Structure formats: structure tokens, C-alpha cells
Amino acid sequence: MNADLSHIELNAISKQYKKTLTQSLSNVSFQINVGEKIGILGPNGAGKTTLISILCGLIEPTTGSVHYKKKDNQTISGVDLKKIIGFVPQEYAFYHELTPLQNLAYFGALYNLTQQEIKTRSNQLLSFLEISEVANKKINTFSGGMKRKVNLAIGLIHQPKILFLDEPTVGVDVQTKLAIITFLNEINTQGTTIIYSSHHLAEAEDFCNQLVMIDKGNIVANGPTLELIKNHDVKDLQALFIQLTENK
């Protein structure tokens, strides 16, 4: 991967869907630096999914812009941008009737990986996520936790520089949740920037070193997690969430 990413700039992003009277996002601006684990949090309907969709390039903002910047301040776009982004949605994004290896081969080919690259990368991911023993079994026989791990592996097959995660541990047991979070921390130490959205506030407090909290399309908090908790004189992220959002 030759894209020398430095940071992501969001400049005055607003989004209003057709046939709606209010904006889903209103004048949202902030910066994401390489290597961060940043949580995008907020109550239901706050605009989290819209924001992540705009960051991933899945939808366009009504106004404003997103720029993926290199260290020389040039902008990464087009195919080069798609190569460095990984997205793991809350919904399962794979073929249930296929095996993990077959799914990884299919999605790896979409990124123009060679067969050897796909084989090497697939074996690494399945080993790290501790699901090698089911590599050749159909996913429709898997538990929810195992399916979450496959979902994550697919999002990482092309070794993205930036990983977007939407509720990556929803519906899994404690052991699987710990395994996923441990794995995410490991790839972050290796240089992957992680942008994470979840309703698990205790998990977000432990995992994310930066937070962007939004409510009704507006940023209500933005900064280092521990610093925000301290500055608002609350005991934890849950208390901060209740204080700053209108979902009380």
C-alpha cells in the first residue's frame, strides 16, 4: 500500500435526505489522525451511520467535503482511496452458503489481490481470529460470534490503512468480544486507523482514545476520551453521554 496517509479532514459536512425536513448532519467538522482509535457515538438517529457512510464514500454530503490527506498534503481519491479503506458493517456482509476461505477469496479478488496474496492473508486472518479450524465449513452453520469474526476478516483482507467498524461486537459472548477487541488493538499498534461506532459505552471508553459524540446531527463533544470525561467532571463515558445528549 503506497498511499502515505496523514489524516482525514471533514469540512462543514451537512446532509439532508430528500423528502425530509431536517438535516441528518449539520456543519460537522473535525480531523482524524493516522493511528487513532476514534469512537463516533450518539443516540439512535443522531447521524452516526450517515457520517460513517459519508466518510467511506458510500453517500455524498449535501454540503461540505471530506479529504484524505497524504503527508505532502496531496489528496487521496478514487481507486487509491478505495484500496486503503476497510468497512465492517453491523449487518453480515458475506455469502452464508460459502466457507470463510471462499468468501475471502471472492472479496480479495475484488481488490485485485493475487491468489497467493489471498491465500497468505486469509490464513493469517483466520489464525489471528482463531477460526482456522472452520475455514472450510459453510458459514450458515456458525455461531453469531464466529460470523462476526468472518465479517471482520473480510473487511481486512486487503490490509486497509483505515478500518470502519459499525457495532463490531453486537450479539457476541464475552470471550468473543474480548478476542475481537484484542485483535483490533493489535492491528492498531501495527498502524491501522480505526473508526468505531457502538452502543457499548463501557467498551468504547476502554477501546477509543478519541471521541466524536453527535446528537441530532451536531457535534456535542470532540477530543481525547479521558480528557473529555475529566473536563465534564463525570465518572465515565456513560455519564458524559447522558449529560451531553438529549436521549435522557
C-alpha atoms as a PDB file:
ATOM      1  CA  MET A   1       0.000   0.000   0.000  1.00  0.00           C
ATOM      2  CA  ASN A   2       1.737   3.154  -1.190  1.00  0.00           C
ATOM      3  CA  ALA A   3      -0.764   5.763  -0.038  1.00  0.00           C
ATOM      4  CA  ASP A   4       1.090   7.764   2.612  1.00  0.00           C
ATOM      5  CA  LEU A   5      -1.969   8.788   4.618  1.00  0.00           C
ATOM      6  CA  SER A   6      -1.537  11.540   7.188  1.00  0.00           C
ATOM      7  CA  HIS A   7      -5.058  12.487   8.285  1.00  0.00           C
ATOM      8  CA  ILE A   8      -8.708  12.838   7.282  1.00  0.00           C
ATOM      9  CA  GLU A   9     -10.317  16.279   7.178  1.00  0.00           C
ATOM     10  CA  LEU A  10     -14.068  16.814   7.458  1.00  0.00           C
ATOM     11  CA  ASN A  11     -15.023  20.340   6.483  1.00  0.00           C
ATOM     12  CA  ALA A  12     -18.510  21.653   7.318  1.00  0.00           C
ATOM     13  CA  ILE A  13     -20.312  18.419   6.399  1.00  0.00           C
ATOM     14  CA  SER A  14     -24.103  18.664   6.218  1.00  0.00           C
ATOM     15  CA  LYS A  15     -26.556  16.080   4.935  1.00  0.00           C
ATOM     16  CA  GLN A  16     -30.266  16.367   4.295  1.00  0.00           C
ATOM     17  CA  TYR A  17     -32.015  13.458   2.646  1.00  0.00           C
ATOM     18  CA  LYS A  18     -34.746  14.001   0.085  1.00  0.00           C
ATOM     19  CA  LYS A  19     -38.280  14.350   1.456  1.00  0.00           C
ATOM     20  CA  THR A  20     -37.009  15.185   4.953  1.00  0.00           C
ATOM     21  CA  LEU A  21     -37.468  18.477   6.768  1.00  0.00           C
ATOM     22  CA  THR A  22     -34.386  18.335   8.974  1.00  0.00           C
ATOM     23  CA  GLN A  23     -30.691  17.691   8.406  1.00  0.00           C
ATOM     24  CA  SER A  24     -29.174  14.382   9.449  1.00  0.00           C
ATOM     25  CA  LEU A  25     -25.830  16.189   9.871  1.00  0.00           C
ATOM     26  CA  SER A  26     -25.271  19.899  10.351  1.00  0.00           C
ATOM     27  CA  ASN A  27     -21.945  21.642   9.728  1.00  0.00           C
ATOM     28  CA  VAL A  28     -19.782  18.791  11.078  1.00  0.00           C
ATOM     29  CA  SER A  29     -16.041  19.476  11.074  1.00  0.00           C
ATOM     30  CA  PHE A  30     -13.191  17.561  12.703  1.00  0.00           C
ATOM     31  CA  GLN A  31      -9.945  15.769  11.897  1.00  0.00           C
ATOM     32  CA  ILE A  32      -8.909  12.120  12.254  1.00  0.00           C
ATOM     33  CA  ASN A  33      -5.182  11.487  12.549  1.00  0.00           C
ATOM     34  CA  VAL A  34      -3.413   8.314  11.455  1.00  0.00           C
ATOM     35  CA  GLY A  35      -3.153   5.735  14.222  1.00  0.00           C
ATOM     36  CA  GLU A  36      -6.146   6.901  16.237  1.00  0.00           C
ATOM     37  CA  LYS A  37      -8.905   4.719  17.606  1.00  0.00           C
ATOM     38  CA  ILE A  38     -11.779   7.141  17.328  1.00  0.00           C
ATOM     39  CA  GLY A  39     -15.304   6.446  18.534  1.00  0.00           C
ATOM     40  CA  ILE A  40     -18.266   8.046  16.791  1.00  0.00           C
ATOM     41  CA  LEU A  41     -21.017   7.877  19.385  1.00  0.00           C
ATOM     42  CA  GLY A  42     -24.526   9.179  19.841  1.00  0.00           C
ATOM     43  CA  PRO A  43     -28.130   8.117  20.486  1.00  0.00           C
ATOM     44  CA  ASN A  44     -30.270   6.443  17.834  1.00  0.00           C
ATOM     45  CA  GLY A  45     -30.983   8.842  14.994  1.00  0.00           C
ATOM     46  CA  ALA A  46     -28.066  11.127  15.885  1.00  0.00           C
ATOM     47  CA  GLY A  47     -26.446  10.807  12.445  1.00  0.00           C
ATOM     48  CA  LYS A  48     -23.699   8.262  13.164  1.00  0.00           C
ATOM     49  CA  THR A  49     -24.471   5.965  10.238  1.00  0.00           C
ATOM     50  CA  THR A  50     -24.814   8.911   7.863  1.00  0.00           C
ATOM     51  CA  LEU A  51     -21.453  10.267   8.997  1.00  0.00           C
ATOM     52  CA  ILE A  52     -19.667   6.938   8.561  1.00  0.00           C
ATOM     53  CA  SER A  53     -21.310   6.429   5.163  1.00  0.00           C
ATOM     54  CA  ILE A  54     -20.001   9.817   4.021  1.00  0.00           C
ATOM     55  CA  LEU A  55     -16.517   9.064   5.366  1.00  0.00           C
ATOM     56  CA  CYS A  56     -16.490   5.757   3.464  1.00  0.00           C
ATOM     57  CA  GLY A  57     -17.689   7.424   0.266  1.00  0.00           C
ATOM     58  CA  LEU A  58     -20.934   5.439   0.207  1.00  0.00           C
ATOM     59  CA  ILE A  59     -23.042   8.617   0.070  1.00  0.00           C
ATOM     60  CA  GLU A  60     -22.296  12.237  -0.762  1.00  0.00           C
ATOM     61  CA  PRO A  61     -22.808  15.120   1.680  1.00  0.00           C
ATOM     62  CA  THR A  62     -25.310  17.809   0.759  1.00  0.00           C
ATOM     63  CA  THR A  63     -22.651  20.418   1.506  1.00  0.00           C
ATOM     64  CA  GLY A  64     -19.082  20.270   2.781  1.00  0.00           C
ATOM     65  CA  SER A  65     -16.219  17.957   1.915  1.00  0.00           C
ATOM     66  CA  VAL A  66     -14.066  15.063   3.123  1.00  0.00           C
ATOM     67  CA  HIS A  67     -10.368  14.921   2.245  1.00  0.00           C
ATOM     68  CA  TYR A  68      -7.978  12.040   2.818  1.00  0.00           C
ATOM     69  CA  LYS A  69      -4.607  13.787   3.023  1.00  0.00           C
ATOM     70  CA  LYS A  70      -1.078  12.495   2.483  1.00  0.00           C
ATOM     71  CA  LYS A  71       1.876  13.836   4.439  1.00  0.00           C
ATOM     72  CA  ASP A  72       2.698  16.117   1.491  1.00  0.00           C
ATOM     73  CA  ASN A  73      -0.888  17.477   1.749  1.00  0.00           C
ATOM     74  CA  GLN A  74      -1.981  15.908  -1.536  1.00  0.00           C
ATOM     75  CA  THR A  75      -5.429  14.294  -1.528  1.00  0.00           C
ATOM     76  CA  ILE A  76      -6.033  10.565  -1.946  1.00  0.00           C
ATOM     77  CA  SER A  77      -9.086   9.800  -4.080  1.00  0.00           C
ATOM     78  CA  GLY A  78     -10.655   7.337  -6.495  1.00  0.00           C
ATOM     79  CA  VAL A  79      -9.288   3.804  -6.681  1.00  0.00           C
ATOM     80  CA  ASP A  80      -6.326   4.696  -4.450  1.00  0.00           C
ATOM     81  CA  LEU A  81      -8.754   5.705  -1.703  1.00  0.00           C
ATOM     82  CA  LYS A  82     -10.867   2.553  -2.005  1.00  0.00           C
ATOM     83  CA  LYS A  83      -7.725   0.447  -1.581  1.00  0.00           C
ATOM     84  CA  ILE A  84      -6.939   1.906   1.843  1.00  0.00           C
ATOM     85  CA  ILE A  85     -10.475   1.764   3.312  1.00  0.00           C
ATOM     86  CA  GLY A  86     -11.983  -1.256   5.037  1.00  0.00           C
ATOM     87  CA  PHE A  87     -15.606  -1.298   6.194  1.00  0.00           C
ATOM     88  CA  VAL A  88     -17.188  -3.820   8.561  1.00  0.00           C
ATOM     89  CA  PRO A  89     -20.944  -3.174   8.762  1.00  0.00           C
ATOM     90  CA  GLN A  90     -23.230  -4.264  11.565  1.00  0.00           C
ATOM     91  CA  GLU A  91     -25.092  -6.491   9.108  1.00  0.00           C
ATOM     92  CA  TYR A  92     -23.289  -9.614   7.950  1.00  0.00           C
ATOM     93  CA  ALA A  93     -21.649  -8.829   4.606  1.00  0.00           C
ATOM     94  CA  PHE A  94     -20.744 -12.240   3.223  1.00  0.00           C
ATOM     95  CA  TYR A  95     -22.231 -15.255   1.461  1.00  0.00           C
ATOM     96  CA  HIS A  96     -23.660 -17.570   4.120  1.00  0.00           C
ATOM     97  CA  GLU A  97     -23.655 -20.635   1.871  1.00  0.00           C
ATOM     98  CA  LEU A  98     -19.898 -20.312   1.266  1.00  0.00           C
ATOM     99  CA  THR A  99     -16.961 -21.033   3.582  1.00  0.00           C
ATOM    100  CA  PRO A 100     -14.734 -18.358   5.159  1.00  0.00           C
ATOM    101  CA  LEU A 101     -11.947 -19.172   2.679  1.00  0.00           C
ATOM    102  CA  GLN A 102     -14.317 -18.941  -0.279  1.00  0.00           C
ATOM    103  CA  ASN A 103     -15.658 -15.592   0.938  1.00  0.00           C
ATOM    104  CA  LEU A 104     -12.176 -14.217   1.494  1.00  0.00           C
ATOM    105  CA  ALA A 105     -11.108 -15.385  -1.966  1.00  0.00           C
ATOM    106  CA  TYR A 106     -14.088 -13.628  -3.537  1.00  0.00           C
ATOM    107  CA  PHE A 107     -13.629 -10.319  -1.710  1.00  0.00           C
ATOM    108  CA  GLY A 108      -9.858 -10.456  -2.112  1.00  0.00           C
ATOM    109  CA  ALA A 109     -10.310 -10.775  -5.879  1.00  0.00           C
ATOM    110  CA  LEU A 110     -12.478  -7.635  -5.850  1.00  0.00           C
ATOM    111  CA  TYR A 111      -9.400  -5.787  -4.564  1.00  0.00           C
ATOM    112  CA  ASN A 112      -7.259  -7.342  -7.311  1.00  0.00           C
ATOM    113  CA  LEU A 113      -5.168  -9.359  -4.873  1.00  0.00           C
ATOM    114  CA  THR A 114      -3.228 -12.251  -6.363  1.00  0.00           C
ATOM    115  CA  GLN A 115      -4.157 -15.816  -5.443  1.00  0.00           C
ATOM    116  CA  GLN A 116      -1.013 -16.077  -3.335  1.00  0.00           C
ATOM    117  CA  GLU A 117      -1.794 -12.800  -1.548  1.00  0.00           C
ATOM    118  CA  ILE A 118      -5.323 -14.011  -0.852  1.00  0.00           C
ATOM    119  CA  LYS A 119      -4.080 -17.371   0.469  1.00  0.00           C
ATOM    120  CA  THR A 120      -1.440 -15.818   2.718  1.00  0.00           C
ATOM    121  CA  ARG A 121      -3.679 -13.072   4.030  1.00  0.00           C
ATOM    122  CA  SER A 122      -6.656 -15.403   4.591  1.00  0.00           C
ATOM    123  CA  ASN A 123      -4.577 -17.870   6.595  1.00  0.00           C
ATOM    124  CA  GLN A 124      -3.161 -15.034   8.709  1.00  0.00           C
ATOM    125  CA  LEU A 125      -6.552 -13.529   9.482  1.00  0.00           C
ATOM    126  CA  LEU A 126      -8.286 -16.809  10.269  1.00  0.00           C
ATOM    127  CA  SER A 127      -5.394 -17.770  12.547  1.00  0.00           C
ATOM    128  CA  PHE A 128      -5.340 -14.416  14.364  1.00  0.00           C
ATOM    129  CA  LEU A 129      -9.117 -14.566  14.845  1.00  0.00           C
ATOM    130  CA  GLU A 130      -8.936 -18.198  15.985  1.00  0.00           C
ATOM    131  CA  ILE A 131     -11.294 -19.635  13.374  1.00  0.00           C
ATOM    132  CA  SER A 132      -8.825 -21.596  11.244  1.00  0.00           C
ATOM    133  CA  GLU A 133     -10.489 -24.861  12.207  1.00  0.00           C
ATOM    134  CA  VAL A 134     -13.706 -23.831  10.423  1.00  0.00           C
ATOM    135  CA  ALA A 135     -12.030 -22.304   7.362  1.00  0.00           C
ATOM    136  CA  ASN A 136     -13.686 -24.837   5.045  1.00  0.00           C
ATOM    137  CA  LYS A 137     -17.093 -25.074   6.701  1.00  0.00           C
ATOM    138  CA  LYS A 138     -20.170 -23.233   5.432  1.00  0.00           C
ATOM    139  CA  ILE A 139     -20.814 -20.066   7.412  1.00  0.00           C
ATOM    140  CA  ASN A 140     -24.542 -20.768   7.744  1.00  0.00           C
ATOM    141  CA  THR A 141     -23.606 -23.324  10.436  1.00  0.00           C
ATOM    142  CA  PHE A 142     -21.633 -20.786  12.507  1.00  0.00           C
ATOM    143  CA  SER A 143     -22.480 -19.103  15.801  1.00  0.00           C
ATOM    144  CA  GLY A 144     -23.032 -15.354  15.896  1.00  0.00           C
ATOM    145  CA  GLY A 145     -19.561 -14.757  17.317  1.00  0.00           C
ATOM    146  CA  MET A 146     -17.868 -16.745  14.580  1.00  0.00           C
ATOM    147  CA  LYS A 147     -19.849 -14.857  11.945  1.00  0.00           C
ATOM    148  CA  ARG A 148     -18.670 -11.559  13.481  1.00  0.00           C
ATOM    149  CA  LYS A 149     -15.081 -12.733  13.121  1.00  0.00           C
ATOM    150  CA  VAL A 150     -15.607 -13.641   9.463  1.00  0.00           C
ATOM    151  CA  ASN A 151     -17.212 -10.235   8.874  1.00  0.00           C
ATOM    152  CA  LEU A 152     -14.119  -8.614  10.360  1.00  0.00           C
ATOM    153  CA  ALA A 153     -11.707 -10.758   8.344  1.00  0.00           C
ATOM    154  CA  ILE A 154     -13.414  -9.783   5.085  1.00  0.00           C
ATOM    155  CA  GLY A 155     -13.079  -6.091   5.918  1.00  0.00           C
ATOM    156  CA  LEU A 156      -9.351  -6.603   6.471  1.00  0.00           C
ATOM    157  CA  ILE A 157      -8.453  -8.910   3.562  1.00  0.00           C
ATOM    158  CA  HIS A 158      -6.788  -6.080   1.583  1.00  0.00           C
ATOM    159  CA  GLN A 159      -4.864  -4.701   4.591  1.00  0.00           C
ATOM    160  CA  PRO A 160      -6.609  -1.322   4.710  1.00  0.00           C
ATOM    161  CA  LYS A 161      -4.981   1.681   6.357  1.00  0.00           C
ATOM    162  CA  ILE A 162      -8.341   2.806   7.755  1.00  0.00           C
ATOM    163  CA  LEU A 163     -10.945   0.453   9.209  1.00  0.00           C
ATOM    164  CA  PHE A 164     -14.559   1.494   9.794  1.00  0.00           C
ATOM    165  CA  LEU A 165     -16.466  -0.618  12.316  1.00  0.00           C
ATOM    166  CA  ASP A 166     -20.205  -0.403  12.968  1.00  0.00           C
ATOM    167  CA  GLU A 167     -21.162  -2.324  16.137  1.00  0.00           C
ATOM    168  CA  PRO A 168     -18.378  -4.928  15.689  1.00  0.00           C
ATOM    169  CA  THR A 169     -19.204  -6.854  18.887  1.00  0.00           C
ATOM    170  CA  VAL A 170     -23.006  -6.744  18.903  1.00  0.00           C
ATOM    171  CA  GLY A 171     -24.641 -10.006  19.898  1.00  0.00           C
ATOM    172  CA  VAL A 172     -21.485 -11.891  20.871  1.00  0.00           C
ATOM    173  CA  ASP A 173     -20.411 -13.513  24.120  1.00  0.00           C
ATOM    174  CA  VAL A 174     -17.838 -12.017  26.466  1.00  0.00           C
ATOM    175  CA  GLN A 175     -14.987 -14.255  25.266  1.00  0.00           C
ATOM    176  CA  THR A 176     -15.599 -13.425  21.595  1.00  0.00           C
ATOM    177  CA  LYS A 177     -15.894  -9.725  22.378  1.00  0.00           C
ATOM    178  CA  LEU A 178     -12.539  -9.819  24.184  1.00  0.00           C
ATOM    179  CA  ALA A 179     -10.942 -11.680  21.263  1.00  0.00           C
ATOM    180  CA  ILE A 180     -12.208  -9.139  18.741  1.00  0.00           C
ATOM    181  CA  ILE A 181     -11.128  -6.126  20.801  1.00  0.00           C
ATOM    182  CA  THR A 182      -7.700  -7.678  21.436  1.00  0.00           C
ATOM    183  CA  PHE A 183      -7.279  -8.258  17.704  1.00  0.00           C
ATOM    184  CA  LEU A 184      -8.345  -4.684  16.888  1.00  0.00           C
ATOM    185  CA  ASN A 185      -5.857  -3.287  19.390  1.00  0.00           C
ATOM    186  CA  GLU A 186      -3.141  -5.385  17.767  1.00  0.00           C
ATOM    187  CA  ILE A 187      -3.784  -4.129  14.228  1.00  0.00           C
ATOM    188  CA  ASN A 188      -3.983  -0.587  15.571  1.00  0.00           C
ATOM    189  CA  THR A 189      -0.485  -0.901  17.051  1.00  0.00           C
ATOM    190  CA  GLN A 190       0.622  -2.028  13.579  1.00  0.00           C
ATOM    191  CA  GLY A 191      -0.661   1.223  12.067  1.00  0.00           C
ATOM    192  CA  THR A 192      -4.330   0.716  11.207  1.00  0.00           C
ATOM    193  CA  THR A 193      -6.514   3.717  12.000  1.00  0.00           C
ATOM    194  CA  ILE A 194      -9.839   2.577  13.468  1.00  0.00           C
ATOM    195  CA  ILE A 195     -13.121   4.482  13.304  1.00  0.00           C
ATOM    196  CA  TYR A 196     -15.613   2.769  15.554  1.00  0.00           C
ATOM    197  CA  SER A 197     -19.314   3.167  16.290  1.00  0.00           C
ATOM    198  CA  SER A 198     -21.106   1.280  19.051  1.00  0.00           C
ATOM    199  CA  HIS A 199     -23.790   1.477  21.727  1.00  0.00           C
ATOM    200  CA  HIS A 200     -21.495  -0.296  24.193  1.00  0.00           C
ATOM    201  CA  LEU A 201     -20.231   2.762  26.069  1.00  0.00           C
ATOM    202  CA  ALA A 202     -18.019   0.911  28.563  1.00  0.00           C
ATOM    203  CA  GLU A 203     -16.355  -0.876  25.645  1.00  0.00           C
ATOM    204  CA  ALA A 204     -15.926   2.410  23.775  1.00  0.00           C
ATOM    205  CA  GLU A 205     -14.379   4.059  26.838  1.00  0.00           C
ATOM    206  CA  ASP A 206     -11.801   1.290  27.146  1.00  0.00           C
ATOM    207  CA  PHE A 207     -11.083   0.991  23.422  1.00  0.00           C
ATOM    208  CA  CYS A 208     -11.180   4.500  21.930  1.00  0.00           C
ATOM    209  CA  ASN A 209      -8.519   7.112  22.616  1.00  0.00           C
ATOM    210  CA  GLN A 210     -10.537   9.795  20.804  1.00  0.00           C
ATOM    211  CA  LEU A 211     -14.264  10.520  20.702  1.00  0.00           C
ATOM    212  CA  VAL A 212     -16.680  12.398  18.497  1.00  0.00           C
ATOM    213  CA  MET A 213     -20.118  12.495  20.093  1.00  0.00           C
ATOM    214  CA  ILE A 214     -23.028  13.687  17.998  1.00  0.00           C
ATOM    215  CA  ASP A 215     -26.652  14.413  18.807  1.00  0.00           C
ATOM    216  CA  LYS A 216     -29.309  15.430  16.287  1.00  0.00           C
ATOM    217  CA  GLY A 217     -26.665  15.884  13.623  1.00  0.00           C
ATOM    218  CA  ASN A 218     -24.408  18.178  15.650  1.00  0.00           C
ATOM    219  CA  ILE A 219     -21.092  17.534  17.382  1.00  0.00           C
ATOM    220  CA  VAL A 220     -21.538  17.895  21.144  1.00  0.00           C
ATOM    221  CA  ALA A 221     -18.089  16.606  22.164  1.00  0.00           C
ATOM    222  CA  ASN A 222     -14.812  16.035  20.350  1.00  0.00           C
ATOM    223  CA  GLY A 223     -11.440  15.166  21.851  1.00  0.00           C
ATOM    224  CA  PRO A 224      -9.396  12.624  23.826  1.00  0.00           C
ATOM    225  CA  THR A 225     -11.679  10.233  25.728  1.00  0.00           C
ATOM    226  CA  LEU A 226     -10.174  10.617  29.198  1.00  0.00           C
ATOM    227  CA  GLU A 227      -9.813  14.377  28.790  1.00  0.00           C
ATOM    228  CA  LEU A 228     -13.496  14.783  27.877  1.00  0.00           C
ATOM    229  CA  ILE A 229     -14.576  12.749  30.902  1.00  0.00           C
ATOM    230  CA  LYS A 230     -12.337  14.794  33.186  1.00  0.00           C
ATOM    231  CA  ASN A 231     -13.289  18.192  31.754  1.00  0.00           C
ATOM    232  CA  HIS A 232     -17.016  17.495  32.135  1.00  0.00           C
ATOM    233  CA  ASP A 233     -16.490  16.273  35.701  1.00  0.00           C
ATOM    234  CA  VAL A 234     -18.209  12.933  35.191  1.00  0.00           C
ATOM    235  CA  LYS A 235     -17.141   9.456  36.305  1.00  0.00           C
ATOM    236  CA  ASP A 236     -17.314   7.645  32.979  1.00  0.00           C
ATOM    237  CA  LEU A 237     -18.395   7.785  29.352  1.00  0.00           C
ATOM    238  CA  GLN A 238     -21.948   6.741  30.141  1.00  0.00           C
ATOM    239  CA  ALA A 239     -22.388   9.730  32.432  1.00  0.00           C
ATOM    240  CA  LEU A 240     -20.888  12.003  29.771  1.00  0.00           C
ATOM    241  CA  PHE A 241     -23.240  10.560  27.157  1.00  0.00           C
ATOM    242  CA  ILE A 242     -26.280  11.240  29.346  1.00  0.00           C
ATOM    243  CA  GLN A 243     -25.087  14.765  30.146  1.00  0.00           C
ATOM    244  CA  LEU A 244     -24.453  15.806  26.561  1.00  0.00           C
ATOM    245  CA  THR A 245     -27.192  14.149  24.565  1.00  0.00           C
ATOM    246  CA  GLU A 246     -30.919  14.678  24.642  1.00  0.00           C
ATOM    247  CA  ASN A 247     -31.643  10.964  24.886  1.00  0.00           C
ATOM    248  CA  LYS A 248     -32.340  11.145  28.609  1.00  0.00           C
END
